[in-house]
Amino acid sequence: MGNRLYGLKLILPLDLQEIVEGFLANLVPWGWEESKDKNQVQIKIIFNQPELAQQTAHFFQAKFESIQTEFFTLSDQNWLQAWKKFFTPIPVENTFLILPSWDKTNPEPYLPIYIHPQMAFGTGHHSTTYLCLSFIAELKPNPSIYFLDLGTGSGILGIACAKLGMRGIGLDIDPTALDNARLNVRLNKVEHLFSVKSGTIKRVETKFDLILANILATPLIKMAPFIVQALNPQGILILSGILQEQAAQVIDAYTGLGLNLVEKRGKEEWIGLKFVR
């Protein structure tokens, strides 16, 4: 019998789906399951602590009177089995193939990225992660590039860079995410190129040739001065986690600090941005 996990179901009107998903990307970056009919959307979220499920329910109840909440439990074994049904290989721009850790599929001609799903960000299924990966896939392999994966989560973006021969670090403040990222780094055998540690951009003194940040619009705007300061001349910045209606604010924050926007890319309701210094 596995450990117990704690589920929260949100039941909401269709017109709230987009804004709720924006909040969820920040509150539960490891993902959620959705189903909908003509009148409503049901969203299921899994937590490893009951307090987190309760806090998330209270957050949405306080913001939206029309959202209903229900709680349920399941074992971690059941959760992983559910992921095994859901986690299918994901090709990215003819370059990467995202595979679950148990999948023995022959990845050729792709570069494989193995991810063990846990309570941490980034399996490649979410549009924001895919947008970042699509930008990375277009970069030329270059061992001289030193990168920062800010808010590394599962480590998937840093692992992708390492698969192209780049060196770098990942930062996160969530201990669960860091544990998952270190596991995934080992699974992909890129320890010599990519390491993860606890920390924030405010304490970074190193300069980077490439910075990746798949977070959310509001923290990206707040961190803009620190991110730009950490970017080398001619450096590349890739941002995601931005809803379409928030893109203009994020663009203004970074172009106002001297960066040039070179590409804006969309997937579903999300936007990815690429800047150069």
Protein backbone atom coordinates (compact mmCIF):
# COMPACT_ATOMS: atom_id res chain seq x y z
CA MET A 1 0.00 0.00 0.00
CA GLY A 2 1.41 3.41 -0.95
CA ASN A 3 1.36 6.59 1.05
CA ARG A 4 -1.86 8.56 1.03
CA LEU A 5 -2.27 11.53 -1.29
CA TYR A 6 -4.92 14.23 -1.04
CA GLY A 7 -7.11 15.36 -3.90
CA LEU A 8 -9.10 18.53 -4.52
CA LYS A 9 -11.80 18.85 -7.16
CA LEU A 10 -12.77 22.32 -8.40
CA ILE A 11 -16.08 22.68 -10.22
CA LEU A 12 -16.39 25.98 -12.07
CA PRO A 13 -18.26 27.74 -14.88
CA LEU A 14 -16.67 27.64 -18.33
CA ASP A 15 -16.04 31.38 -18.34
CA LEU A 16 -13.69 31.06 -15.33
CA GLN A 17 -11.51 28.33 -16.86
CA GLU A 18 -8.76 30.56 -18.27
CA ILE A 19 -8.27 32.73 -15.20
CA VAL A 20 -8.36 29.71 -12.85
CA GLU A 21 -5.71 27.98 -14.96
CA GLY A 22 -3.55 31.07 -14.61
CA PHE A 23 -3.71 30.79 -10.82
CA LEU A 24 -3.18 27.02 -10.94
CA ALA A 25 0.05 27.40 -12.93
CA ASN A 26 1.47 29.19 -9.90
CA LEU A 27 -0.24 27.30 -7.09
CA VAL A 28 0.13 23.73 -8.41
CA PRO A 29 2.85 23.79 -11.09
CA TRP A 30 3.07 19.97 -11.12
CA GLY A 31 -0.18 19.92 -13.07
CA TRP A 32 -3.84 18.98 -12.86
CA GLU A 33 -6.49 16.99 -14.73
CA GLU A 34 -9.38 18.69 -16.51
CA SER A 35 -12.70 17.57 -17.91
CA LYS A 36 -15.58 19.70 -19.13
CA ASP A 37 -19.04 19.64 -20.60
CA LYS A 38 -21.27 22.37 -22.03
CA ASN A 39 -21.82 24.10 -18.70
CA GLN A 40 -18.83 23.57 -16.41
CA VAL A 41 -15.23 22.50 -15.95
CA GLN A 42 -14.00 19.98 -13.37
CA ILE A 43 -10.36 20.23 -12.29
CA LYS A 44 -8.68 17.56 -10.15
CA ILE A 45 -5.47 18.39 -8.28
CA ILE A 46 -3.33 16.02 -6.19
CA PHE A 47 -1.32 17.08 -3.11
CA ASN A 48 1.04 15.24 -0.78
CA GLN A 49 -0.21 17.19 2.27
CA PRO A 50 -3.86 17.73 3.25
CA GLU A 51 -3.08 21.27 4.40
CA LEU A 52 -2.04 22.23 0.87
CA ALA A 53 -5.30 20.90 -0.56
CA GLN A 54 -7.26 22.88 2.05
CA GLN A 55 -5.27 26.07 1.46
CA THR A 56 -5.83 25.84 -2.28
CA ALA A 57 -9.55 25.28 -1.80
CA HIS A 58 -9.77 28.30 0.51
CA PHE A 59 -7.89 30.43 -2.01
CA PHE A 60 -10.39 29.74 -4.78
CA GLN A 61 -13.43 29.93 -2.50
CA ALA A 62 -12.33 33.39 -1.37
CA LYS A 63 -11.79 34.64 -4.92
CA PHE A 64 -14.72 33.06 -6.75
CA GLU A 65 -18.12 32.49 -5.17
CA SER A 66 -19.23 30.29 -8.07
CA ILE A 67 -16.47 27.68 -7.60
CA GLN A 68 -17.42 24.48 -5.76
CA THR A 69 -14.80 22.33 -4.03
CA GLU A 70 -14.66 18.64 -3.06
CA PHE A 71 -11.91 16.62 -1.34
CA PHE A 72 -10.85 13.01 -1.93
CA THR A 73 -7.91 10.71 -1.16
CA LEU A 74 -5.87 8.11 -3.06
CA SER A 75 -2.59 6.26 -2.69
CA ASP A 76 0.64 7.42 -4.31
CA GLN A 77 0.72 4.10 -6.17
CA ASN A 78 -2.63 4.93 -7.72
CA TRP A 79 -1.37 8.41 -8.62
CA LEU A 80 1.68 7.01 -10.38
CA GLN A 81 -0.44 4.45 -12.23
CA ALA A 82 -2.70 7.27 -13.39
CA TRP A 83 0.36 9.17 -14.63
CA LYS A 84 1.53 6.09 -16.54
CA LYS A 85 -1.72 6.16 -18.51
CA PHE A 86 -1.46 9.90 -19.11
CA PHE A 87 2.25 10.37 -19.75
CA THR A 88 2.80 9.66 -23.43
CA PRO A 89 6.03 10.49 -25.33
CA ILE A 90 6.15 14.12 -26.48
CA PRO A 91 8.28 15.13 -29.49
CA VAL A 92 9.54 18.71 -29.49
CA GLU A 93 10.55 20.40 -32.76
CA ASN A 94 12.22 17.30 -34.25
CA THR A 95 14.87 17.59 -31.53
CA PHE A 96 13.75 16.25 -28.14
CA LEU A 97 11.52 13.36 -27.13
CA ILE A 98 10.12 13.67 -23.60
CA LEU A 99 9.73 10.21 -22.09
CA PRO A 100 8.56 8.95 -18.69
CA SER A 101 11.30 7.27 -16.68
CA TRP A 102 9.79 3.79 -17.23
CA ASP A 103 9.44 4.10 -21.04
CA LYS A 104 11.94 2.06 -23.07
CA THR A 105 10.92 3.55 -26.44
CA ASN A 106 13.79 3.95 -28.88
CA PRO A 107 14.16 7.75 -29.03
CA GLU A 108 16.13 7.92 -32.29
CA PRO A 109 16.56 10.31 -34.04
CA TYR A 110 15.51 12.48 -31.07
CA LEU A 111 17.48 13.43 -27.98
CA PRO A 112 15.62 11.70 -25.11
CA ILE A 113 14.67 13.56 -21.93
CA TYR A 114 13.52 11.18 -19.20
CA ILE A 115 11.22 12.58 -16.51
CA HIS A 116 9.96 10.82 -13.41
CA PRO A 117 6.64 12.50 -12.55
CA GLN A 118 6.38 13.72 -8.98
CA MET A 119 4.96 16.77 -7.24
CA ALA A 120 7.13 19.15 -9.25
CA PHE A 121 6.94 21.22 -12.37
CA GLY A 122 7.41 20.21 -15.92
CA THR A 123 6.65 16.99 -17.75
CA GLY A 124 6.37 18.74 -21.10
CA HIS A 125 2.61 18.24 -21.28
CA HIS A 126 1.88 21.76 -20.08
CA SER A 127 1.90 24.42 -22.80
CA THR A 128 4.27 26.71 -20.89
CA THR A 129 6.92 23.98 -20.59
CA TYR A 130 6.51 23.01 -24.23
CA LEU A 131 6.96 26.62 -25.37
CA CYS A 132 10.30 26.87 -23.56
CA LEU A 133 11.44 23.52 -24.93
CA SER A 134 10.54 24.60 -28.46
CA PHE A 135 12.79 27.66 -28.12
CA ILE A 136 15.63 25.54 -26.69
CA ALA A 137 15.27 23.01 -29.50
CA GLU A 138 16.11 25.73 -32.02
CA LEU A 139 19.39 26.67 -30.32
CA LYS A 140 22.59 25.31 -31.82
CA PRO A 141 24.57 22.91 -29.60
CA ASN A 142 27.24 25.03 -27.98
CA PRO A 143 29.43 23.83 -25.07
CA SER A 144 30.56 27.41 -24.37
CA ILE A 145 27.05 28.53 -23.31
CA TYR A 146 26.50 28.84 -19.56
CA PHE A 147 22.80 28.85 -18.65
CA LEU A 148 20.46 29.43 -15.72
CA ASP A 149 17.17 27.54 -15.39
CA LEU A 150 15.28 29.75 -12.94
CA GLY A 151 12.48 27.96 -11.08
CA THR A 152 13.79 24.67 -12.40
CA GLY A 153 10.97 22.44 -11.06
CA SER A 154 11.54 18.99 -12.53
CA GLY A 155 14.72 20.24 -14.23
CA ILE A 156 13.36 19.52 -17.69
CA LEU A 157 14.53 22.78 -19.29
CA GLY A 158 18.04 22.54 -17.86
CA ILE A 159 18.25 18.90 -18.91
CA ALA A 160 17.26 19.91 -22.45
CA CYS A 161 20.07 22.47 -22.53
CA ALA A 162 22.53 19.89 -21.18
CA LYS A 163 21.47 17.47 -23.93
CA LEU A 164 22.69 20.14 -26.38
CA GLY A 165 26.04 20.22 -24.60
CA MET A 166 25.51 23.44 -22.62
CA ARG A 167 26.60 23.86 -19.01
CA GLY A 168 24.46 25.45 -16.33
CA ILE A 169 22.60 25.48 -13.04
CA GLY A 170 18.98 25.31 -11.96
CA LEU A 171 17.51 27.25 -9.04
CA ASP A 172 14.34 26.55 -7.09
CA ILE A 173 13.05 27.18 -3.57
CA ASP A 174 10.77 24.12 -3.36
CA PRO A 175 12.56 21.15 -1.70
CA THR A 176 10.22 18.64 -3.41
CA ALA A 177 10.99 20.13 -6.82
CA LEU A 178 14.72 20.07 -6.11
CA ASP A 179 14.60 16.39 -5.15
CA ASN A 180 12.70 15.58 -8.33
CA ALA A 181 15.08 17.65 -10.47
CA ARG A 182 18.14 15.88 -9.04
CA LEU A 183 16.53 12.51 -9.76
CA ASN A 184 15.81 13.53 -13.34
CA VAL A 185 19.34 14.88 -13.82
CA ARG A 186 20.67 11.45 -12.80
CA LEU A 187 18.18 9.64 -15.04
CA ASN A 188 19.46 11.64 -18.00
CA LYS A 189 23.13 11.27 -17.01
CA VAL A 190 23.89 14.98 -17.33
CA GLU A 191 25.31 15.56 -13.83
CA HIS A 192 28.58 16.76 -15.38
CA LEU A 193 26.75 19.57 -17.20
CA PHE A 194 23.76 20.54 -15.05
CA SER A 195 23.31 20.86 -11.29
CA VAL A 196 20.42 22.22 -9.21
CA LYS A 197 20.45 24.10 -5.95
CA SER A 198 18.17 26.05 -3.65
CA GLY A 199 18.18 29.78 -4.31
CA THR A 200 16.64 32.83 -5.96
CA ILE A 201 17.72 35.21 -8.71
CA LYS A 202 18.29 37.99 -6.15
CA ARG A 203 21.35 36.19 -4.76
CA VAL A 204 22.90 35.31 -8.10
CA GLU A 205 26.18 37.08 -8.84
CA THR A 206 27.20 35.05 -11.91
CA LYS A 207 26.45 36.17 -15.47
CA PHE A 208 24.76 33.78 -17.91
CA ASP A 209 24.66 33.46 -21.69
CA LEU A 210 21.16 31.98 -21.54
CA ILE A 211 18.45 32.38 -18.90
CA LEU A 212 15.23 30.35 -18.88
CA ALA A 213 12.32 31.25 -16.61
CA ASN A 214 9.01 29.41 -16.84
CA ILE A 215 7.19 31.03 -13.94
CA LEU A 216 4.24 33.50 -14.14
CA ALA A 217 3.82 37.03 -15.42
CA THR A 218 3.69 38.84 -12.07
CA PRO A 219 6.90 37.37 -10.58
CA LEU A 220 8.63 37.71 -13.97
CA ILE A 221 7.87 41.44 -13.95
CA LYS A 222 9.05 41.82 -10.35
CA MET A 223 12.27 39.92 -11.02
CA ALA A 224 13.02 41.67 -14.32
CA PRO A 225 15.85 43.91 -12.99
CA PHE A 226 17.61 40.94 -11.38
CA ILE A 227 17.17 38.70 -14.43
CA VAL A 228 18.44 41.33 -16.86
CA GLN A 229 21.39 42.09 -14.59
CA ALA A 230 22.38 38.41 -14.66
CA LEU A 231 22.33 38.23 -18.48
CA ASN A 232 25.59 38.56 -20.40
CA PRO A 233 25.94 40.96 -23.35
CA GLN A 234 24.48 39.23 -26.41
CA GLY A 235 22.75 36.85 -24.00
CA ILE A 236 19.42 35.14 -24.69
CA LEU A 237 16.41 35.23 -22.35
CA ILE A 238 13.48 32.81 -22.73
CA LEU A 239 10.35 33.43 -20.65
CA SER A 240 7.09 31.51 -20.33
CA GLY A 241 4.19 31.02 -17.93
CA ILE A 242 2.53 34.13 -19.38
CA LEU A 243 -1.15 34.35 -20.28
CA GLN A 244 -1.93 36.09 -23.59
CA GLU A 245 -3.44 39.14 -21.95
CA GLN A 246 -0.36 39.58 -19.73
CA ALA A 247 2.24 39.42 -22.50
CA ALA A 248 2.34 43.16 -23.21
CA GLN A 249 3.18 43.97 -19.58
CA VAL A 250 6.00 41.43 -19.49
CA ILE A 251 7.38 42.67 -22.81
CA ASP A 252 7.33 46.27 -21.57
CA ALA A 253 9.15 45.30 -18.36
CA TYR A 254 12.06 43.73 -20.25
CA THR A 255 12.32 46.02 -23.26
CA GLY A 256 12.26 48.90 -20.79
CA LEU A 257 15.46 47.45 -19.31
CA GLY A 258 17.22 47.34 -22.66
CA LEU A 259 16.36 43.90 -24.06
CA ASN A 260 15.06 43.34 -27.58
CA LEU A 261 12.10 41.03 -28.18
CA VAL A 262 12.96 38.72 -31.07
CA GLU A 263 10.03 36.29 -30.96
CA LYS A 264 6.62 35.88 -29.36
CA ARG A 265 5.19 32.37 -29.56
CA GLY A 266 1.78 31.09 -28.46
CA LYS A 267 0.25 27.74 -27.49
CA GLU A 268 -3.36 27.61 -26.30
CA GLU A 269 -3.80 30.58 -23.93
CA TRP A 270 -0.08 30.80 -23.06
CA ILE A 271 2.74 32.90 -24.51
CA GLY A 272 6.48 32.30 -24.68
CA LEU A 273 8.94 35.15 -25.26
CA LYS A 274 12.50 35.26 -26.53
CA PHE A 275 14.70 38.31 -25.91
CA VAL A 276 18.29 39.16 -26.70
CA ARG A 277 20.50 41.69 -25.01
